[in-house]
Amino acid sequence: MDSIRYTIRECQDQEKINQFLCRARFGHLGLVDGQLPYVVPLNYVWTDGQLYFHGAGDGRRNKVMSQNPEICFTVCEEYGTITDPVPAKTDTAYMSVMLFGQAEPITDLDEATHVLQEMMNKYVPGYYNRPLSKQHVDKYRSAVFGGPVQVYRVKPYHMTAKESPIEAGKMYRADTGG
């Protein structure tokens, strides 16, 4: 795999990367559909060095992954514009992570229940007064698509991270012109 060309932006702090992946709310799943790229934004959880996501058990995404499980998943957040007296040095504050791996459907009910509970904990913490039951997960069907929910796991075999941190006193604010 290629390394990051602009090495000054490379982030190798694994704890910072893990915290970012745990906190960020969505990412983009990149797939190869025959000869065409196919990218889907989605919610996910990052736990124990693995990426998990779920969705309806049928549809284009699942069909593509069953034919080619190789994925690229990108998570990024933009924090604002960094100003500079020299226009060419104006920049963006951000953090981004790209990971590569193979998407595997989870068939184990205990693991699927754990992952879906982690999704609930991330996106609606404290909303439900009891944890998901295995029976609920086993019987769950998507009201929109009518098919069973499929949970996927990705164990990354390659990951890169880049960042351009916020520079206090140099962040652009539209309301003040600078």
N, C-alpha and C. Protein backbone atom coordinates (compact mmCIF):
# COMPACT_ATOMS: atom_id res chain seq x y z
N MET A 1 0.85 -1.17 0.00
CA MET A 1 0.00 0.00 0.00
C MET A 1 0.90 1.24 0.00
N ASP A 2 0.40 2.29 -0.60
CA ASP A 2 1.14 3.54 -0.64
C ASP A 2 1.16 4.20 0.73
N SER A 3 2.25 4.89 1.01
CA SER A 3 2.33 5.66 2.25
C SER A 3 1.85 7.08 1.97
N ILE A 4 1.73 7.86 3.02
CA ILE A 4 1.29 9.24 2.89
C ILE A 4 2.43 10.07 2.30
N ARG A 5 2.14 10.77 1.21
CA ARG A 5 3.14 11.58 0.53
C ARG A 5 3.55 12.78 1.34
N TYR A 6 2.59 13.48 1.90
CA TYR A 6 2.84 14.71 2.66
C TYR A 6 3.01 14.31 4.13
N THR A 7 4.19 13.78 4.44
CA THR A 7 4.42 13.15 5.74
C THR A 7 4.27 14.10 6.93
N ILE A 8 4.41 15.40 6.70
CA ILE A 8 4.25 16.34 7.81
C ILE A 8 2.83 16.27 8.39
N ARG A 9 1.88 15.81 7.59
CA ARG A 9 0.48 15.70 8.04
C ARG A 9 0.14 14.32 8.60
N GLU A 10 1.03 13.38 8.48
CA GLU A 10 0.75 12.02 8.94
C GLU A 10 0.58 11.97 10.45
N CYS A 11 -0.44 11.27 10.90
CA CYS A 11 -0.67 11.05 12.33
C CYS A 11 -0.39 9.58 12.61
N GLN A 12 0.55 9.32 13.49
CA GLN A 12 0.88 7.95 13.86
C GLN A 12 0.51 7.64 15.31
N ASP A 13 -0.15 8.57 15.97
CA ASP A 13 -0.56 8.41 17.36
C ASP A 13 -1.80 7.51 17.40
N GLN A 14 -1.60 6.22 17.67
CA GLN A 14 -2.70 5.26 17.59
C GLN A 14 -3.82 5.59 18.58
N GLU A 15 -3.49 6.11 19.74
CA GLU A 15 -4.52 6.48 20.70
C GLU A 15 -5.39 7.62 20.15
N LYS A 16 -4.77 8.60 19.52
CA LYS A 16 -5.51 9.71 18.92
C LYS A 16 -6.40 9.20 17.78
N ILE A 17 -5.86 8.29 16.97
CA ILE A 17 -6.64 7.71 15.87
C ILE A 17 -7.83 6.94 16.42
N ASN A 18 -7.61 6.11 17.44
CA ASN A 18 -8.71 5.34 18.04
C ASN A 18 -9.78 6.26 18.61
N GLN A 19 -9.38 7.30 19.32
CA GLN A 19 -10.34 8.24 19.89
C GLN A 19 -11.15 8.92 18.78
N PHE A 20 -10.46 9.31 17.72
CA PHE A 20 -11.15 9.94 16.58
C PHE A 20 -12.17 8.99 15.97
N LEU A 21 -11.77 7.74 15.72
CA LEU A 21 -12.68 6.77 15.10
C LEU A 21 -13.85 6.44 16.02
N CYS A 22 -13.63 6.45 17.32
CA CYS A 22 -14.73 6.20 18.26
C CYS A 22 -15.71 7.37 18.31
N ARG A 23 -15.22 8.58 18.17
CA ARG A 23 -16.04 9.78 18.32
C ARG A 23 -16.77 10.19 17.04
N ALA A 24 -16.11 10.06 15.89
CA ALA A 24 -16.71 10.53 14.62
C ALA A 24 -18.03 9.81 14.37
N ARG A 25 -18.95 10.51 13.74
CA ARG A 25 -20.32 10.00 13.62
C ARG A 25 -20.60 9.19 12.35
N PHE A 26 -19.87 9.43 11.26
CA PHE A 26 -20.12 8.65 10.05
C PHE A 26 -18.87 8.60 9.19
N GLY A 27 -18.87 7.66 8.28
CA GLY A 27 -17.76 7.51 7.34
C GLY A 27 -18.30 7.14 5.98
N HIS A 28 -17.38 6.95 5.04
CA HIS A 28 -17.75 6.60 3.67
C HIS A 28 -17.12 5.26 3.32
N LEU A 29 -17.97 4.31 2.96
CA LEU A 29 -17.56 2.97 2.59
C LEU A 29 -17.35 2.93 1.09
N GLY A 30 -16.11 2.69 0.67
CA GLY A 30 -15.78 2.61 -0.75
C GLY A 30 -15.69 1.16 -1.20
N LEU A 31 -16.38 0.86 -2.29
CA LEU A 31 -16.43 -0.50 -2.84
C LEU A 31 -16.12 -0.43 -4.33
N VAL A 32 -15.83 -1.59 -4.91
CA VAL A 32 -15.64 -1.68 -6.36
C VAL A 32 -16.76 -2.56 -6.90
N ASP A 33 -17.63 -1.95 -7.70
CA ASP A 33 -18.76 -2.65 -8.31
C ASP A 33 -18.40 -2.93 -9.76
N GLY A 34 -17.79 -4.09 -10.00
CA GLY A 34 -17.29 -4.39 -11.34
C GLY A 34 -16.13 -3.46 -11.64
N GLN A 35 -16.31 -2.58 -12.60
CA GLN A 35 -15.30 -1.60 -12.95
C GLN A 35 -15.58 -0.21 -12.38
N LEU A 36 -16.70 -0.07 -11.66
CA LEU A 36 -17.12 1.24 -11.18
C LEU A 36 -16.94 1.39 -9.68
N PRO A 37 -16.55 2.58 -9.23
CA PRO A 37 -16.51 2.83 -7.79
C PRO A 37 -17.92 3.00 -7.26
N TYR A 38 -18.12 2.64 -6.01
CA TYR A 38 -19.41 2.79 -5.35
C TYR A 38 -19.11 3.17 -3.90
N VAL A 39 -19.55 4.35 -3.48
CA VAL A 39 -19.25 4.87 -2.15
C VAL A 39 -20.56 5.14 -1.42
N VAL A 40 -20.64 4.65 -0.18
CA VAL A 40 -21.85 4.77 0.61
C VAL A 40 -21.52 5.42 1.96
N PRO A 41 -22.16 6.55 2.30
CA PRO A 41 -21.98 7.10 3.65
C PRO A 41 -22.78 6.27 4.65
N LEU A 42 -22.20 6.03 5.81
CA LEU A 42 -22.93 5.25 6.81
C LEU A 42 -22.41 5.45 8.22
N ASN A 43 -23.24 5.07 9.19
CA ASN A 43 -22.85 5.05 10.59
C ASN A 43 -22.01 3.80 10.83
N TYR A 44 -21.20 3.85 11.87
CA TYR A 44 -20.31 2.73 12.16
C TYR A 44 -19.91 2.78 13.63
N VAL A 45 -19.29 1.72 14.09
CA VAL A 45 -18.62 1.74 15.38
C VAL A 45 -17.21 1.19 15.18
N TRP A 46 -16.29 1.70 15.99
CA TRP A 46 -14.90 1.27 16.00
C TRP A 46 -14.64 0.73 17.40
N THR A 47 -14.32 -0.53 17.49
CA THR A 47 -14.06 -1.14 18.79
C THR A 47 -13.04 -2.25 18.64
N ASP A 48 -12.12 -2.32 19.58
CA ASP A 48 -11.09 -3.36 19.60
C ASP A 48 -10.32 -3.44 18.27
N GLY A 49 -10.05 -2.28 17.67
CA GLY A 49 -9.26 -2.24 16.44
C GLY A 49 -9.98 -2.76 15.21
N GLN A 50 -11.32 -2.82 15.28
CA GLN A 50 -12.12 -3.30 14.16
C GLN A 50 -13.26 -2.33 13.89
N LEU A 51 -13.68 -2.28 12.64
CA LEU A 51 -14.77 -1.44 12.18
C LEU A 51 -16.00 -2.32 12.01
N TYR A 52 -17.15 -1.81 12.44
CA TYR A 52 -18.41 -2.54 12.27
C TYR A 52 -19.45 -1.59 11.70
N PHE A 53 -20.29 -2.12 10.84
CA PHE A 53 -21.44 -1.37 10.33
C PHE A 53 -22.55 -2.35 10.04
N HIS A 54 -23.74 -1.84 9.83
CA HIS A 54 -24.88 -2.72 9.57
C HIS A 54 -25.83 -2.05 8.59
N GLY A 55 -26.77 -2.82 8.12
CA GLY A 55 -27.80 -2.32 7.23
C GLY A 55 -28.67 -3.46 6.75
N ALA A 56 -29.58 -3.13 5.88
CA ALA A 56 -30.47 -4.15 5.33
C ALA A 56 -29.65 -5.27 4.69
N GLY A 57 -30.14 -6.48 4.82
CA GLY A 57 -29.40 -7.65 4.35
C GLY A 57 -29.39 -7.82 2.85
N ASP A 58 -30.14 -7.01 2.13
CA ASP A 58 -30.13 -7.10 0.68
C ASP A 58 -29.72 -5.74 0.12
N GLY A 59 -29.78 -5.59 -1.16
CA GLY A 59 -29.44 -4.31 -1.78
C GLY A 59 -28.07 -4.33 -2.44
N ARG A 60 -27.77 -3.24 -3.11
CA ARG A 60 -26.55 -3.13 -3.92
C ARG A 60 -25.28 -3.30 -3.09
N ARG A 61 -25.20 -2.63 -1.94
CA ARG A 61 -23.98 -2.69 -1.12
C ARG A 61 -23.63 -4.13 -0.77
N ASN A 62 -24.61 -4.88 -0.30
CA ASN A 62 -24.35 -6.27 0.09
C ASN A 62 -23.99 -7.14 -1.12
N LYS A 63 -24.64 -6.89 -2.24
CA LYS A 63 -24.33 -7.64 -3.46
C LYS A 63 -22.89 -7.38 -3.89
N VAL A 64 -22.49 -6.11 -3.88
CA VAL A 64 -21.12 -5.76 -4.28
C VAL A 64 -20.11 -6.40 -3.33
N MET A 65 -20.35 -6.32 -2.01
CA MET A 65 -19.41 -6.89 -1.05
C MET A 65 -19.35 -8.41 -1.14
N SER A 66 -20.44 -9.05 -1.53
CA SER A 66 -20.40 -10.52 -1.67
C SER A 66 -19.54 -10.92 -2.88
N GLN A 67 -19.46 -10.04 -3.89
CA GLN A 67 -18.64 -10.32 -5.07
C GLN A 67 -17.20 -9.88 -4.89
N ASN A 68 -16.99 -8.82 -4.10
CA ASN A 68 -15.64 -8.33 -3.84
C ASN A 68 -15.64 -7.69 -2.45
N PRO A 69 -15.15 -8.42 -1.44
CA PRO A 69 -15.21 -7.91 -0.07
C PRO A 69 -14.17 -6.84 0.27
N GLU A 70 -13.27 -6.51 -0.66
CA GLU A 70 -12.26 -5.47 -0.40
C GLU A 70 -12.93 -4.12 -0.27
N ILE A 71 -12.61 -3.42 0.83
CA ILE A 71 -13.22 -2.12 1.06
C ILE A 71 -12.16 -1.08 1.43
N CYS A 72 -12.53 0.16 1.25
CA CYS A 72 -11.79 1.29 1.78
C CYS A 72 -12.81 2.09 2.56
N PHE A 73 -12.50 2.45 3.80
CA PHE A 73 -13.42 3.21 4.63
C PHE A 73 -12.72 4.49 5.04
N THR A 74 -13.35 5.63 4.82
CA THR A 74 -12.76 6.93 5.12
C THR A 74 -13.64 7.68 6.10
N VAL A 75 -13.00 8.20 7.13
CA VAL A 75 -13.67 9.04 8.11
C VAL A 75 -12.90 10.35 8.14
N CYS A 76 -13.61 11.47 8.05
CA CYS A 76 -12.92 12.76 8.12
C CYS A 76 -13.82 13.80 8.78
N GLU A 77 -13.16 14.75 9.42
CA GLU A 77 -13.85 15.88 10.00
C GLU A 77 -13.06 17.14 9.68
N GLU A 78 -13.78 18.18 9.32
CA GLU A 78 -13.18 19.48 9.01
C GLU A 78 -13.45 20.40 10.18
N TYR A 79 -12.42 21.11 10.65
CA TYR A 79 -12.55 21.95 11.84
C TYR A 79 -12.53 23.44 11.54
N GLY A 80 -12.33 23.82 10.30
CA GLY A 80 -12.34 25.23 9.93
C GLY A 80 -11.16 25.59 9.05
N THR A 81 -11.11 26.87 8.66
CA THR A 81 -10.06 27.37 7.77
C THR A 81 -9.00 28.09 8.59
N ILE A 82 -7.75 27.77 8.29
CA ILE A 82 -6.60 28.40 8.93
C ILE A 82 -6.15 29.54 8.02
N THR A 83 -6.15 30.75 8.54
CA THR A 83 -5.78 31.91 7.73
C THR A 83 -4.27 32.15 7.79
N ASP A 84 -3.78 32.89 6.79
CA ASP A 84 -2.38 33.27 6.73
C ASP A 84 -2.30 34.53 5.87
N PRO A 85 -1.39 35.44 6.19
CA PRO A 85 -1.24 36.63 5.35
C PRO A 85 -0.91 36.30 3.89
N VAL A 86 -0.29 35.16 3.66
CA VAL A 86 0.03 34.72 2.31
C VAL A 86 -1.11 33.82 1.83
N PRO A 87 -1.88 34.23 0.81
CA PRO A 87 -3.03 33.43 0.38
C PRO A 87 -2.71 31.96 0.10
N ALA A 88 -1.57 31.67 -0.47
CA ALA A 88 -1.23 30.28 -0.80
C ALA A 88 -1.01 29.42 0.44
N LYS A 89 -0.87 30.05 1.61
CA LYS A 89 -0.66 29.30 2.85
C LYS A 89 -1.95 29.16 3.66
N THR A 90 -3.07 29.65 3.14
CA THR A 90 -4.36 29.42 3.78
C THR A 90 -4.63 27.92 3.71
N ASP A 91 -5.16 27.35 4.77
CA ASP A 91 -5.26 25.89 4.86
C ASP A 91 -6.54 25.50 5.58
N THR A 92 -6.76 24.21 5.72
CA THR A 92 -7.93 23.66 6.40
C THR A 92 -7.45 22.85 7.60
N ALA A 93 -8.10 23.01 8.74
CA ALA A 93 -7.84 22.17 9.90
C ALA A 93 -8.75 20.94 9.78
N TYR A 94 -8.17 19.75 9.94
CA TYR A 94 -8.95 18.52 9.75
C TYR A 94 -8.24 17.33 10.40
N MET A 95 -8.97 16.23 10.45
CA MET A 95 -8.43 14.92 10.78
C MET A 95 -9.11 13.94 9.84
N SER A 96 -8.34 12.99 9.31
CA SER A 96 -8.92 11.97 8.43
C SER A 96 -8.20 10.65 8.64
N VAL A 97 -8.95 9.58 8.48
CA VAL A 97 -8.41 8.23 8.59
C VAL A 97 -8.96 7.42 7.42
N MET A 98 -8.08 6.68 6.77
CA MET A 98 -8.49 5.73 5.72
C MET A 98 -8.04 4.35 6.16
N LEU A 99 -8.95 3.39 6.07
CA LEU A 99 -8.56 2.03 6.38
C LEU A 99 -8.99 1.10 5.25
N PHE A 100 -8.21 0.06 5.10
CA PHE A 100 -8.43 -0.92 4.04
C PHE A 100 -8.56 -2.29 4.68
N GLY A 101 -9.48 -3.08 4.17
CA GLY A 101 -9.68 -4.42 4.71
C GLY A 101 -10.72 -5.15 3.90
N GLN A 102 -11.17 -6.27 4.44
CA GLN A 102 -12.22 -7.05 3.80
C GLN A 102 -13.43 -7.07 4.72
N ALA A 103 -14.59 -6.80 4.14
CA ALA A 103 -15.84 -6.83 4.89
C ALA A 103 -16.29 -8.27 5.04
N GLU A 104 -16.55 -8.66 6.29
CA GLU A 104 -17.03 -10.02 6.57
C GLU A 104 -18.40 -9.94 7.23
N PRO A 105 -19.40 -10.64 6.69
CA PRO A 105 -20.68 -10.67 7.38
C PRO A 105 -20.54 -11.43 8.70
N ILE A 106 -21.15 -10.90 9.74
CA ILE A 106 -21.11 -11.56 11.05
C ILE A 106 -22.28 -12.52 11.14
N THR A 107 -21.98 -13.76 11.43
CA THR A 107 -23.03 -14.77 11.56
C THR A 107 -23.30 -15.12 13.03
N ASP A 108 -22.34 -14.83 13.90
CA ASP A 108 -22.48 -15.14 15.32
C ASP A 108 -23.46 -14.16 15.98
N LEU A 109 -24.53 -14.69 16.57
CA LEU A 109 -25.57 -13.85 17.17
C LEU A 109 -25.04 -13.04 18.34
N ASP A 110 -24.16 -13.61 19.15
CA ASP A 110 -23.60 -12.87 20.28
C ASP A 110 -22.80 -11.66 19.80
N GLU A 111 -21.96 -11.85 18.77
CA GLU A 111 -21.16 -10.74 18.26
C GLU A 111 -22.06 -9.68 17.62
N ALA A 112 -23.05 -10.10 16.85
CA ALA A 112 -23.97 -9.15 16.21
C ALA A 112 -24.73 -8.35 17.26
N THR A 113 -25.18 -9.00 18.31
CA THR A 113 -25.89 -8.31 19.39
C THR A 113 -24.97 -7.30 20.07
N HIS A 114 -23.74 -7.70 20.35
CA HIS A 114 -22.77 -6.80 20.96
C HIS A 114 -22.53 -5.56 20.09
N VAL A 115 -22.35 -5.77 18.80
CA VAL A 115 -22.07 -4.66 17.88
C VAL A 115 -23.28 -3.72 17.80
N LEU A 116 -24.47 -4.26 17.68
CA LEU A 116 -25.66 -3.41 17.60
C LEU A 116 -25.88 -2.66 18.91
N GLN A 117 -25.52 -3.27 20.04
CA GLN A 117 -25.59 -2.55 21.31
C GLN A 117 -24.58 -1.40 21.33
N GLU A 118 -23.39 -1.64 20.79
CA GLU A 118 -22.39 -0.57 20.71
C GLU A 118 -22.88 0.56 19.81
N MET A 119 -23.60 0.23 18.75
CA MET A 119 -24.19 1.27 17.88
C MET A 119 -25.19 2.11 18.69
N MET A 120 -26.03 1.45 19.46
CA MET A 120 -27.01 2.16 20.28
C MET A 120 -26.30 3.05 21.30
N ASN A 121 -25.25 2.52 21.93
CA ASN A 121 -24.50 3.29 22.93
C ASN A 121 -23.87 4.53 22.31
N LYS A 122 -23.43 4.42 21.07
CA LYS A 122 -22.78 5.55 20.40
C LYS A 122 -23.78 6.60 19.94
N TYR A 123 -24.86 6.17 19.29
CA TYR A 123 -25.75 7.11 18.63
C TYR A 123 -26.94 7.57 19.47
N VAL A 124 -27.36 6.77 20.46
CA VAL A 124 -28.46 7.17 21.34
C VAL A 124 -28.14 6.74 22.77
N PRO A 125 -27.03 7.24 23.33
CA PRO A 125 -26.63 6.80 24.67
C PRO A 125 -27.70 7.11 25.72
N GLY A 126 -28.04 6.07 26.50
CA GLY A 126 -29.01 6.25 27.58
C GLY A 126 -30.46 6.32 27.16
N TYR A 127 -30.75 6.23 25.87
CA TYR A 127 -32.13 6.37 25.41
C TYR A 127 -32.99 5.17 25.81
N TYR A 128 -32.44 3.97 25.68
CA TYR A 128 -33.19 2.76 26.03
C TYR A 128 -32.84 2.35 27.45
N ASN A 129 -33.84 1.86 28.18
CA ASN A 129 -33.62 1.54 29.58
C ASN A 129 -33.11 0.12 29.82
N ARG A 130 -32.88 -0.64 28.75
CA ARG A 130 -32.29 -1.97 28.91
C ARG A 130 -31.51 -2.32 27.64
N PRO A 131 -30.56 -3.22 27.78
CA PRO A 131 -29.76 -3.60 26.61
C PRO A 131 -30.56 -4.42 25.60
N LEU A 132 -30.06 -4.44 24.37
CA LEU A 132 -30.67 -5.27 23.33
C LEU A 132 -30.60 -6.73 23.73
N SER A 133 -31.65 -7.45 23.42
CA SER A 133 -31.62 -8.90 23.69
C SER A 133 -31.23 -9.62 22.40
N LYS A 134 -30.65 -10.79 22.55
CA LYS A 134 -30.30 -11.60 21.38
C LYS A 134 -31.55 -11.96 20.59
N GLN A 135 -32.65 -12.20 21.29
CA GLN A 135 -33.89 -12.57 20.60
C GLN A 135 -34.37 -11.43 19.72
N HIS A 136 -34.25 -10.19 20.22
CA HIS A 136 -34.66 -9.03 19.42
C HIS A 136 -33.80 -8.93 18.16
N VAL A 137 -32.50 -9.07 18.32
CA VAL A 137 -31.59 -8.97 17.18
C VAL A 137 -31.86 -10.09 16.20
N ASP A 138 -32.10 -11.29 16.71
CA ASP A 138 -32.34 -12.45 15.85
C ASP A 138 -33.60 -12.27 15.00
N LYS A 139 -34.60 -11.63 15.54
CA LYS A 139 -35.88 -11.48 14.83
C LYS A 139 -36.01 -10.14 14.09
N TYR A 140 -35.05 -9.24 14.31
CA TYR A 140 -35.17 -7.89 13.76
C TYR A 140 -35.21 -7.89 12.24
N ARG A 141 -36.14 -7.13 11.71
CA ARG A 141 -36.27 -6.95 10.27
C ARG A 141 -36.38 -5.46 9.99
N SER A 142 -35.79 -5.02 8.89
CA SER A 142 -35.85 -3.62 8.53
C SER A 142 -37.25 -3.25 8.06
N ALA A 143 -37.84 -2.25 8.68
CA ALA A 143 -39.18 -1.81 8.29
C ALA A 143 -39.19 -1.19 6.91
N VAL A 144 -38.06 -0.63 6.48
CA VAL A 144 -38.00 0.05 5.19
C VAL A 144 -37.79 -0.95 4.06
N PHE A 145 -36.83 -1.85 4.24
CA PHE A 145 -36.44 -2.72 3.14
C PHE A 145 -37.05 -4.12 3.22
N GLY A 146 -37.57 -4.50 4.37
CA GLY A 146 -38.23 -5.78 4.48
C GLY A 146 -37.30 -6.97 4.62
N GLY A 147 -36.00 -6.77 4.66
CA GLY A 147 -35.07 -7.88 4.79
C GLY A 147 -34.37 -7.85 6.12
N PRO A 148 -33.69 -8.92 6.45
CA PRO A 148 -32.99 -8.96 7.74
C PRO A 148 -31.80 -7.99 7.76
N VAL A 149 -31.47 -7.54 8.94
CA VAL A 149 -30.31 -6.67 9.10
C VAL A 149 -29.05 -7.53 9.07
N GLN A 150 -28.03 -7.04 8.38
CA GLN A 150 -26.74 -7.72 8.32
C GLN A 150 -25.69 -6.83 8.97
N VAL A 151 -24.90 -7.41 9.86
CA VAL A 151 -23.81 -6.70 10.51
C VAL A 151 -22.51 -7.17 9.86
N TYR A 152 -21.61 -6.22 9.60
CA TYR A 152 -20.31 -6.53 8.98
C TYR A 152 -19.17 -6.12 9.90
N ARG A 153 -18.08 -6.85 9.78
CA ARG A 153 -16.84 -6.57 10.49
C ARG A 153 -15.73 -6.35 9.46
N VAL A 154 -14.87 -5.38 9.74
CA VAL A 154 -13.68 -5.16 8.91
C VAL A 154 -12.48 -5.12 9.85
N LYS A 155 -11.55 -6.04 9.63
CA LYS A 155 -10.27 -6.02 10.33
C LYS A 155 -9.29 -5.35 9.38
N PRO A 156 -8.88 -4.12 9.69
CA PRO A 156 -8.01 -3.41 8.75
C PRO A 156 -6.65 -4.08 8.60
N TYR A 157 -6.20 -4.19 7.36
CA TYR A 157 -4.83 -4.66 7.12
C TYR A 157 -3.91 -3.48 6.79
N HIS A 158 -4.50 -2.30 6.56
CA HIS A 158 -3.71 -1.09 6.33
C HIS A 158 -4.54 0.11 6.74
N MET A 159 -3.89 1.06 7.40
CA MET A 159 -4.60 2.26 7.84
C MET A 159 -3.65 3.44 7.79
N THR A 160 -4.15 4.57 7.34
CA THR A 160 -3.39 5.82 7.35
C THR A 160 -4.23 6.89 8.01
N ALA A 161 -3.56 7.87 8.60
CA ALA A 161 -4.26 8.99 9.23
C ALA A 161 -3.49 10.27 8.94
N LYS A 162 -4.24 11.32 8.70
CA LYS A 162 -3.65 12.64 8.45
C LYS A 162 -4.38 13.67 9.30
N GLU A 163 -3.64 14.73 9.64
CA GLU A 163 -4.28 15.80 10.38
C GLU A 163 -3.59 17.13 10.11
N SER A 164 -4.37 18.16 10.22
CA SER A 164 -3.89 19.53 10.20
C SER A 164 -4.61 20.17 11.39
N PRO A 165 -3.92 20.31 12.52
CA PRO A 165 -4.61 20.76 13.73
C PRO A 165 -5.05 22.22 13.67
N ILE A 166 -6.03 22.52 14.50
CA ILE A 166 -6.50 23.90 14.65
C ILE A 166 -5.34 24.75 15.16
N GLU A 167 -5.17 25.91 14.57
CA GLU A 167 -4.13 26.85 14.99
C GLU A 167 -4.80 28.03 15.68
N ALA A 168 -4.76 28.04 17.01
CA ALA A 168 -5.40 29.11 17.78
C ALA A 168 -4.94 30.47 17.28
N GLY A 169 -5.89 31.38 17.15
CA GLY A 169 -5.58 32.73 16.69
C GLY A 169 -5.50 32.87 15.18
N LYS A 170 -5.56 31.77 14.46
CA LYS A 170 -5.46 31.85 12.99
C LYS A 170 -6.71 31.29 12.30
N MET A 171 -7.72 30.89 13.08
CA MET A 171 -8.91 30.29 12.49
C MET A 171 -9.83 31.40 11.97
N TYR A 172 -10.31 31.21 10.76
CA TYR A 172 -11.21 32.18 10.10
C TYR A 172 -12.58 32.15 10.77
N ARG A 173 -13.12 33.33 11.02
CA ARG A 173 -14.49 33.46 11.53
C ARG A 173 -15.22 34.43 10.62
N ALA A 174 -16.26 33.96 9.96
CA ALA A 174 -16.99 34.78 8.99
C ALA A 174 -17.62 36.01 9.62
N ASP A 175 -18.03 35.90 10.87
CA ASP A 175 -18.72 37.04 11.51
C ASP A 175 -17.78 38.19 11.85
N THR A 176 -16.47 37.93 11.86
CA THR A 176 -15.53 39.00 12.18
C THR A 176 -14.58 39.29 11.02
N GLY A 177 -14.72 38.51 9.95
CA GLY A 177 -13.82 38.69 8.81
C GLY A 177 -12.43 38.16 9.10
N GLY A 178 -12.30 37.34 10.10
CA GLY A 178 -10.97 36.78 10.37
C GLY A 178 -10.85 36.28 11.70
